[in-house]
Protein backbone atom coordinates (compact mmCIF):
# COMPACT_ATOMS: atom_id res chain seq x y z
CA MET A 1 0.00 0.00 0.00
CA PRO A 2 1.73 3.21 -1.10
CA TRP A 3 1.19 6.09 1.27
CA TRP A 4 2.32 9.57 1.92
CA PRO A 5 1.64 11.68 4.97
CA PRO A 6 1.43 15.38 5.80
CA ASN A 7 4.19 17.82 5.05
CA LYS A 8 5.59 18.94 8.40
CA SER A 9 8.93 17.81 9.79
CA ASP A 10 7.47 16.63 13.11
CA LEU A 11 5.12 14.25 11.32
CA TRP A 12 7.94 13.02 9.12
CA ALA A 13 10.03 12.46 12.24
CA THR A 14 7.17 10.59 13.92
CA THR A 15 6.29 8.23 11.11
CA SER A 16 9.09 7.76 8.58
CA ALA A 17 11.14 5.20 10.52
CA ALA A 18 8.02 3.21 11.40
CA ARG A 19 6.92 3.17 7.77
CA ALA A 20 10.28 1.88 6.60
CA LEU A 21 10.23 -0.86 9.24
CA SER A 22 6.62 -1.95 8.67
CA THR A 23 6.72 -2.08 4.87
CA GLY A 24 10.32 -3.07 4.29
CA GLU A 25 10.32 -0.83 1.23
CA ARG A 26 11.80 2.53 0.38
CA VAL A 27 10.79 5.81 2.00
CA TRP A 28 11.13 8.80 -0.32
CA ALA A 29 11.44 12.32 1.11
CA PHE A 30 10.90 15.26 -1.27
CA ASP A 31 12.32 18.12 0.76
CA PRO A 32 13.65 20.87 -1.54
CA GLN A 33 13.23 23.58 1.12
CA ARG A 34 15.08 21.63 3.79
CA ILE A 35 12.12 21.43 6.17
CA ALA A 36 13.11 18.04 7.58
CA ARG A 37 16.75 18.38 6.50
CA ALA A 38 16.30 15.13 4.56
CA ALA A 39 19.23 14.42 2.26
CA GLN A 40 18.39 14.41 -1.43
CA THR A 41 18.54 10.84 -2.71
CA PHE A 42 16.39 11.17 -5.83
CA TRP A 43 15.02 13.58 -8.40
CA TRP A 44 11.73 13.74 -10.30
CA ASP A 45 11.17 14.97 -13.84
CA PRO A 46 7.83 16.85 -14.11
CA LEU A 47 8.17 16.88 -17.90
CA ARG A 48 8.42 13.10 -18.30
CA ARG A 49 4.67 12.57 -17.95
CA LEU A 50 4.15 15.04 -20.80
CA ALA A 51 6.58 13.26 -23.09
CA ASP A 52 5.21 9.78 -22.30
CA SER A 53 1.52 10.65 -22.35
CA ASP A 54 -0.96 9.98 -25.15
CA TYR A 55 -2.38 13.43 -24.32
CA PRO A 56 0.68 15.64 -23.76
CA LEU A 57 -1.22 18.89 -24.26
CA GLU A 58 -3.63 18.03 -21.45
CA GLU A 59 -0.72 17.11 -19.20
CA ALA A 60 1.02 20.38 -20.04
CA GLN A 61 -2.17 22.29 -19.19
CA ARG A 62 -2.39 20.60 -15.78
CA LEU A 63 1.27 21.20 -14.97
CA ALA A 64 1.01 24.87 -15.95
CA GLY A 65 -2.12 25.19 -13.81
CA HIS A 66 -0.27 24.04 -10.68
CA PHE A 67 2.08 27.00 -11.08
CA VAL A 68 -0.48 29.65 -12.00
CA LEU A 69 -2.91 28.67 -9.24
CA THR A 70 -0.43 30.07 -6.73
CA VAL A 71 -0.93 33.49 -8.35
CA ASP A 72 -4.68 33.19 -8.85
CA ASP A 73 -5.13 32.42 -5.17
CA VAL A 74 -3.67 35.78 -4.22
CA ASP A 75 -6.10 37.75 -6.37
CA LYS A 76 -9.17 36.01 -7.77
CA ARG A 77 -9.62 38.97 -10.14
CA ASN A 78 -6.35 38.22 -11.87
CA ILE A 79 -7.36 38.43 -15.55
CA TRP A 80 -3.98 37.25 -16.80
CA GLY A 81 -4.12 33.80 -15.22
CA PRO A 82 -5.64 31.93 -18.21
CA ALA A 83 -3.24 33.58 -20.67
CA ALA A 84 -0.25 32.84 -18.42
CA THR A 85 -1.40 29.22 -18.18
CA SER A 86 -1.59 29.03 -21.98
CA LEU A 87 1.91 30.49 -22.28
CA LEU A 88 3.38 28.09 -19.72
CA LYS A 89 1.56 25.17 -21.32
CA ALA A 90 3.21 25.86 -24.67
CA LEU A 91 6.68 26.29 -23.16
CA LEU A 92 6.38 23.13 -21.05
CA LEU A 93 5.18 21.13 -24.03
CA ALA A 94 8.05 22.39 -26.22
CA ALA A 95 10.60 21.47 -23.55
CA ALA A 96 9.12 17.99 -23.00
CA LEU A 97 8.90 17.15 -26.70
CA ASP A 98 12.52 18.06 -27.28
CA GLY A 99 13.93 16.36 -24.18
CA ARG A 100 14.70 19.65 -22.44
CA THR A 101 14.40 20.41 -18.71
CA ILE A 102 12.49 22.86 -16.57
CA HIS A 103 15.58 25.10 -16.70
CA ASP A 104 14.86 25.75 -20.37
CA VAL A 105 11.30 26.81 -19.57
CA HIS A 106 12.55 29.27 -16.97
CA ARG A 107 15.15 30.62 -19.40
CA TRP A 108 12.56 31.08 -22.17
CA LEU A 109 10.38 33.09 -19.78
CA ALA A 110 13.23 35.51 -19.08
CA SER A 111 12.67 37.36 -22.34
CA ASP A 112 9.40 38.05 -24.14
CA GLY A 113 9.01 36.27 -27.43
CA ASN A 114 11.85 33.74 -27.42
CA PRO A 115 11.56 32.00 -30.84
CA THR A 116 13.03 28.65 -29.74
CA PRO A 117 9.85 27.10 -28.23
CA VAL A 118 7.84 28.10 -31.35
CA ASP A 119 10.39 26.43 -33.59
CA LEU A 120 10.44 23.28 -31.43
CA LEU A 121 6.66 22.98 -31.40
CA ARG A 122 6.52 23.23 -35.19
CA GLU A 123 9.39 20.78 -35.55
CA HIS A 124 7.47 18.20 -33.52
CA GLY A 125 4.20 18.74 -35.36
CA TRP A 126 2.32 20.92 -32.87
CA THR A 127 1.65 23.73 -35.32
CA ALA A 128 -1.58 24.94 -33.72
CA VAL A 129 0.08 25.42 -30.33
CA ALA A 130 3.04 27.09 -32.06
CA SER A 131 0.67 29.49 -33.84
CA THR A 132 -1.05 30.36 -30.56
CA LEU A 133 2.29 31.07 -28.93
CA SER A 134 3.54 33.20 -31.82
CA GLY A 135 0.22 35.05 -31.70
CA LEU A 136 0.96 35.99 -28.10
CA TYR A 137 4.32 37.33 -29.22
CA ALA A 138 2.46 39.64 -31.63
CA ASP A 139 0.19 41.07 -28.92
CA PRO A 140 0.66 44.70 -27.83
CA PRO A 141 3.64 45.11 -25.46
CA ASP A 142 1.47 45.92 -22.46
CA THR A 143 -0.65 42.79 -22.92
CA ARG A 144 2.31 40.55 -23.61
CA GLY A 145 4.20 42.01 -20.66
CA SER A 146 1.31 41.36 -18.27
CA VAL A 147 1.03 37.74 -19.37
CA TYR A 148 4.77 37.18 -19.01
CA PHE A 149 4.82 38.93 -15.64
CA THR A 150 2.11 36.60 -14.34
CA ALA A 151 3.91 33.53 -15.69
CA ARG A 152 7.21 34.65 -14.16
CA THR A 153 5.52 35.26 -10.82
CA ALA A 154 3.98 31.79 -10.93
CA THR A 155 7.35 30.18 -11.66
CA VAL A 156 9.53 32.26 -9.33
CA CYS A 157 10.46 29.07 -7.46
CA LEU A 158 12.36 27.90 -10.56
CA ALA A 159 14.99 30.56 -9.87
CA ASN A 160 15.96 28.70 -6.70
CA PRO A 161 18.63 26.06 -7.44
CA GLN A 162 17.80 24.22 -4.19
CA ILE A 163 14.32 23.57 -5.59
CA THR A 164 15.23 22.88 -9.22
CA ALA A 165 17.87 20.35 -8.11
CA TRP A 166 14.98 18.05 -7.18
CA ILE A 167 13.21 18.32 -10.55
CA THR A 168 16.09 18.31 -13.05
CA PRO A 169 18.66 15.64 -13.94
CA PRO A 170 21.57 15.44 -11.48
CA ASN A 171 24.82 17.15 -12.36
CA ASP A 172 28.34 15.87 -11.99
CA ASP A 173 28.38 16.88 -8.31
CA ASN A 174 25.69 14.30 -7.45
CA PRO A 175 25.49 11.74 -10.27
CA SER A 176 24.12 8.87 -8.18
CA LEU A 177 20.61 10.22 -7.56
CA ASP A 178 17.78 7.85 -8.46
CA GLU A 179 14.90 9.05 -10.59
CA PHE A 180 11.48 8.78 -8.96
CA ASP A 181 8.98 7.04 -11.26
CA ALA A 182 5.46 8.24 -10.44
CA ALA A 183 3.91 5.59 -12.71
CA LYS A 184 5.41 2.69 -10.73
CA PHE A 185 4.81 4.06 -7.24
CA PRO A 186 1.09 3.10 -6.86
CA CYS A 187 1.88 -0.63 -7.19
CA THR A 188 4.48 -0.66 -4.41
CA LYS A 189 4.48 -0.47 -0.61
CA GLU A 190 6.75 2.55 -0.68
CA THR A 191 6.14 5.82 1.14
CA LEU A 192 6.51 9.32 -0.26
CA TYR A 193 6.80 12.43 1.90
CA LEU A 194 6.28 15.78 0.16
CA MET A 195 7.35 18.82 2.14
CA SER A 196 7.12 22.51 1.35
CA LYS A 197 6.58 25.85 3.02
CA ASP A 198 3.90 28.32 2.09
CA GLY A 199 4.74 31.66 0.53
CA GLY A 200 6.25 33.13 -2.61
CA GLY A 201 9.01 31.09 -4.17
CA ALA A 202 8.03 27.96 -2.25
CA ALA A 203 8.01 24.49 -3.76
CA GLY A 204 4.22 24.24 -3.56
CA PRO A 205 3.73 23.95 -7.34
CA GLN A 206 6.15 21.01 -7.48
CA VAL A 207 4.42 19.35 -4.53
CA ALA A 208 1.03 19.77 -6.21
CA ALA A 209 2.38 18.53 -9.54
CA LEU A 210 4.00 15.44 -8.03
CA THR A 211 0.90 14.70 -5.96
CA ASP A 212 -1.28 15.04 -9.04
CA ALA A 213 1.06 12.83 -11.09
CA VAL A 214 1.03 10.02 -8.53
CA MET A 215 -2.73 10.21 -7.96
CA ARG A 216 -3.49 9.94 -11.63
CA SER A 217 -0.87 7.22 -12.02
CA GLY A 218 -2.87 5.38 -9.35
CA VAL A 219 -5.99 5.68 -11.50
CA THR A 220 -4.11 4.34 -14.52
CA ALA A 221 -2.76 1.43 -12.47
CA ALA A 222 -6.25 0.68 -11.17
CA GLU A 223 -7.66 0.59 -14.70
CA ARG A 224 -5.04 -1.98 -15.65
CA ARG A 225 -6.08 -4.13 -12.68
CA GLY A 226 -9.78 -4.34 -13.36
CA GLY A 227 -10.71 -0.88 -12.12
CA ARG A 228 -9.47 -0.71 -8.52
CA LEU A 229 -6.16 -0.79 -6.66
CA ASP A 230 -5.77 -3.59 -4.15
CA ALA A 231 -4.35 -2.69 -1.69
CA PRO A 232 -5.53 0.91 -1.95
CA MET A 233 -3.19 3.88 -2.20
CA VAL A 234 -3.65 6.27 0.74
CA ILE A 235 -2.98 9.96 0.18
CA VAL A 236 -2.88 12.35 3.14
CA LEU A 237 -2.93 15.97 2.02
CA ASP A 238 -2.08 18.11 5.02
CA GLU A 239 -2.23 21.88 4.50
CA ALA A 240 -3.98 21.20 1.20
CA GLY A 241 -5.21 24.77 1.12
CA ASN A 242 -1.70 26.23 1.42
CA ILE A 243 0.79 23.73 0.04
CA CYS A 244 -0.96 21.30 -2.28
CA LYS A 245 -3.40 23.29 -4.40
CA ILE A 246 -4.89 21.03 -7.07
CA ALA A 247 -7.55 22.97 -8.95
CA ASP A 248 -9.88 20.06 -9.77
CA LEU A 249 -9.43 18.05 -6.58
CA PRO A 250 -13.17 18.36 -5.73
CA GLN A 251 -14.07 16.87 -9.12
CA LEU A 252 -11.50 14.08 -8.74
CA TYR A 253 -12.49 13.11 -5.21
CA SER A 254 -15.28 10.59 -5.76
CA HIS A 255 -13.63 9.14 -8.87
CA LEU A 256 -10.35 8.57 -7.03
CA GLY A 257 -12.15 6.74 -4.24
CA SER A 258 -13.85 4.40 -6.69
CA ARG A 259 -10.41 3.46 -8.04
CA GLY A 260 -8.92 2.58 -4.66
CA VAL A 261 -7.08 5.89 -4.35
CA VAL A 262 -8.11 7.05 -0.88
CA VAL A 263 -7.60 10.78 -0.37
CA ILE A 264 -7.61 12.44 3.06
CA THR A 265 -7.67 16.24 2.81
CA ILE A 266 -6.81 18.24 5.93
CA LEU A 267 -7.85 21.90 6.06
CA GLN A 268 -7.52 24.48 8.81
CA SER A 269 -11.10 25.58 8.22
CA TYR A 270 -13.96 25.27 5.76
CA SER A 271 -13.37 28.84 4.61
CA GLN A 272 -9.77 27.95 3.71
CA GLY A 273 -11.13 25.45 1.21
CA VAL A 274 -13.49 28.09 -0.17
CA GLY A 275 -10.47 30.34 -0.72
CA VAL A 276 -8.87 27.72 -2.98
CA TRP A 277 -11.80 26.05 -4.75
CA GLY A 278 -14.60 28.60 -4.34
CA GLN A 279 -17.99 28.03 -2.73
CA ASN A 280 -19.18 25.49 -5.31
CA GLY A 281 -15.90 23.61 -5.38
CA MET A 282 -15.72 23.32 -1.60
CA LYS A 283 -19.34 22.16 -1.42
CA LEU A 284 -18.50 19.50 -4.01
CA LEU A 285 -15.44 18.39 -2.04
CA TRP A 286 -17.46 18.28 1.18
CA SER A 287 -20.24 16.24 -0.43
CA ALA A 288 -17.84 13.80 -2.11
CA ALA A 289 -16.02 13.01 1.15
CA THR A 290 -17.77 9.99 2.69
CA ILE A 291 -16.21 10.60 6.12
CA LYS A 292 -15.68 14.02 7.69
CA LEU A 293 -13.77 14.64 10.92
CA ILE A 294 -14.37 18.01 12.56
CA GLY A 295 -12.00 18.87 15.38
CA ALA A 296 -12.09 21.49 18.10
CA GLY A 297 -11.55 25.17 17.42
CA ILE A 298 -14.37 26.08 15.02
CA ASP A 299 -14.82 29.85 15.05
CA ASP A 300 -16.78 30.23 11.83
CA PRO A 301 -20.39 30.79 12.96
CA ASP A 302 -21.90 29.88 9.57
CA PHE A 303 -20.00 26.60 9.34
CA GLY A 304 -20.64 25.85 13.01
CA GLU A 305 -24.36 26.42 12.49
CA ASP A 306 -24.34 24.09 9.48
CA ILE A 307 -22.68 21.39 11.60
CA SER A 308 -25.21 21.90 14.38
CA ARG A 309 -28.08 21.52 11.92
CA LEU A 310 -26.55 18.40 10.36
CA ILE A 311 -26.25 16.80 13.80
CA GLY A 312 -29.96 17.38 14.13
CA ASP A 313 -32.61 17.88 16.77
CA HIS A 314 -34.18 15.76 19.49
CA GLU A 315 -37.35 15.99 21.50
CA VAL A 316 -37.07 17.04 25.11
CA ARG A 317 -39.83 16.20 27.59
CA HIS A 318 -40.90 18.93 29.95
CA VAL A 319 -42.99 18.04 33.00
CA SER A 320 -44.87 20.74 34.92
CA HIS A 321 -46.91 20.43 38.07
CA ASN A 322 -49.73 22.71 39.14
CA ILE A 323 -51.43 22.63 42.54
CA GLY A 324 -54.72 24.46 42.79
CA GLY A 325 -56.74 24.05 45.94
CA GLU A 326 -57.09 20.35 46.71
CA ARG A 327 -56.28 19.31 43.15
CA ALA A 328 -52.83 18.74 41.62
CA THR A 329 -52.23 18.41 37.90
CA ARG A 330 -49.24 17.07 35.96
CA THR A 331 -48.62 18.18 32.40
CA VAL A 332 -46.09 16.61 30.01
CA THR A 333 -45.07 18.50 26.88
CA THR A 334 -42.32 18.00 24.32
CA ARG A 335 -40.26 20.52 22.47
CA THR A 336 -37.60 20.24 19.77
CA GLN A 337 -34.05 21.19 20.71
CA ARG A 338 -30.69 21.03 18.97
CA ILE A 339 -28.60 18.04 20.03
CA LEU A 340 -25.46 20.17 19.85
CA PRO A 341 -26.12 23.91 19.54
CA LEU A 342 -23.68 26.29 17.86
CA SER A 343 -22.10 27.29 21.17
CA ALA A 344 -21.39 23.64 21.98
CA VAL A 345 -19.89 23.01 18.54
CA ARG A 346 -17.54 25.92 19.05
CA ALA A 347 -16.63 24.71 22.55
CA LEU A 348 -15.68 21.16 21.57
CA PRO A 349 -12.99 20.08 24.05
CA LYS A 350 -9.48 19.52 22.76
CA GLY A 351 -8.90 15.86 22.05
CA THR A 352 -12.44 15.28 20.79
CA ALA A 353 -13.91 15.39 17.30
CA LEU A 354 -17.17 14.92 15.45
CA VAL A 355 -17.32 12.11 12.91
CA MET A 356 -19.81 12.39 10.06
CA ALA A 357 -19.94 9.22 7.97
CA THR A 358 -22.34 8.62 5.10
CA GLY A 359 -25.49 6.80 6.20
CA THR A 360 -24.86 7.08 9.95
CA LYS A 361 -25.62 9.51 12.73
CA VAL A 362 -22.96 11.97 13.80
CA ALA A 363 -20.71 10.66 16.57
CA MET A 364 -18.50 12.46 19.05
CA VAL A 365 -15.24 10.59 19.58
CA THR A 366 -12.16 10.87 21.74
CA LEU A 367 -8.99 11.06 19.68
CA LEU A 368 -6.09 8.73 20.40
CA PRO A 369 -2.77 10.57 19.96
CA TRP A 370 0.32 8.48 19.36
CA PHE A 371 1.92 9.54 22.64
CA THR A 372 -0.82 7.69 24.56
CA SER A 373 -0.58 4.52 22.48
CA PRO A 374 1.21 1.27 23.47
CA ARG A 375 3.88 2.12 20.87
CA GLN A 376 4.68 5.45 22.48
CA ALA A 377 8.19 4.45 23.58
CA SER A 378 9.35 3.16 20.19
CA ILE A 379 7.84 6.10 18.32
CA GLN A 380 9.41 8.58 20.74
CA ALA A 381 12.76 6.93 20.15
CA ASP A 382 12.34 7.43 16.39
CA VAL A 383 11.36 11.05 16.97
CA ASP A 384 14.42 11.68 19.14
CA VAL A 385 16.73 10.29 16.47
CA ALA A 386 15.06 12.34 13.72
CA VAL A 387 15.07 15.56 15.75
CA GLU A 388 18.74 15.06 16.61
CA SER A 389 19.51 14.62 12.91
CA ILE A 390 17.54 17.74 11.95
CA THR A 391 19.21 19.77 14.69
CA ALA A 392 22.69 18.61 13.71
CA SER A 393 22.04 19.37 10.06
CA ALA A 394 20.71 22.85 10.85
CA GLY A 395 23.68 23.59 13.07
CA ALA A 396 26.13 22.54 10.40
CA ARG A 397 25.11 25.35 8.04
């Protein structure tokens, strides 16, 4: 069962050694920003899927979208996003068809109207895409400059050699790096950790692209095995609203589940998901998830009220007594009352959560953290070793 967990160093420290021991297979750590100080032992080529695909233009569109979404999220009124995506799509396709690297794409973006990608597209038979790209070159300078500015902003991370070292072929200084094959990963018991920080210039687009590549490789592998992976591939997307922004994740959700690709998306709040996928997209994601876990700390009154309503109402009996003269009466009435009102949803104690599973009533559960489990001692030992390694690496700078 392939698996990859959230993106923080403490979670990597807690689980990586246990994963290696339990599966007996390789643990991959994609850490271009040195979050866990994991040594680079492999590289991944984001352009390979384009070159090997039967639909390279679609793959180029998706890869370009992972970059541009980081800009669109800042300003939803950004009118240059679609044009920048089209520009990046053409450059990525030209590089992939000619066996180039992501360095070439970044270099072509440095100057408006570089003729090389147009020539390469025509040479490989993609004349329509070449014509579209050359048409952009002929646009007025202000328009062309705005499109290029947006594309450069979206790909600013490619100027960082620490990041590009993980997505380009190794140089003579490190020739022994393995190449990660996203197509083979779903049929293994290996583990992949993807780590990135939020913010401009971060490796988020690469994390989203690699996540997307492995997820859709899982679907392809499932189709070749009668429609479903067995054992399933588990994907844990922590900080999905900050680090791993995949534009059509809500649309993919139910389809992935039917293929044995089990996705767990962790968000800080419902509104964070709205910020990435919009109201309709977040509603779709929420509806497609068959199990929802809502932890303590909800401060959004609208979302809290929705949760309270979904939990439902119950009837409360009210008994009143009335004594008048020598006669006493007893009256029983019922009234409808929320099982868990908004104030109670907001005040959920730490260490508890609400579980909403399809076809069942909502349950309140007590969470079981690892440090209270029978394996606490062995896990803590792994954490101590990992933290010592991170500390030593950070101090050696």
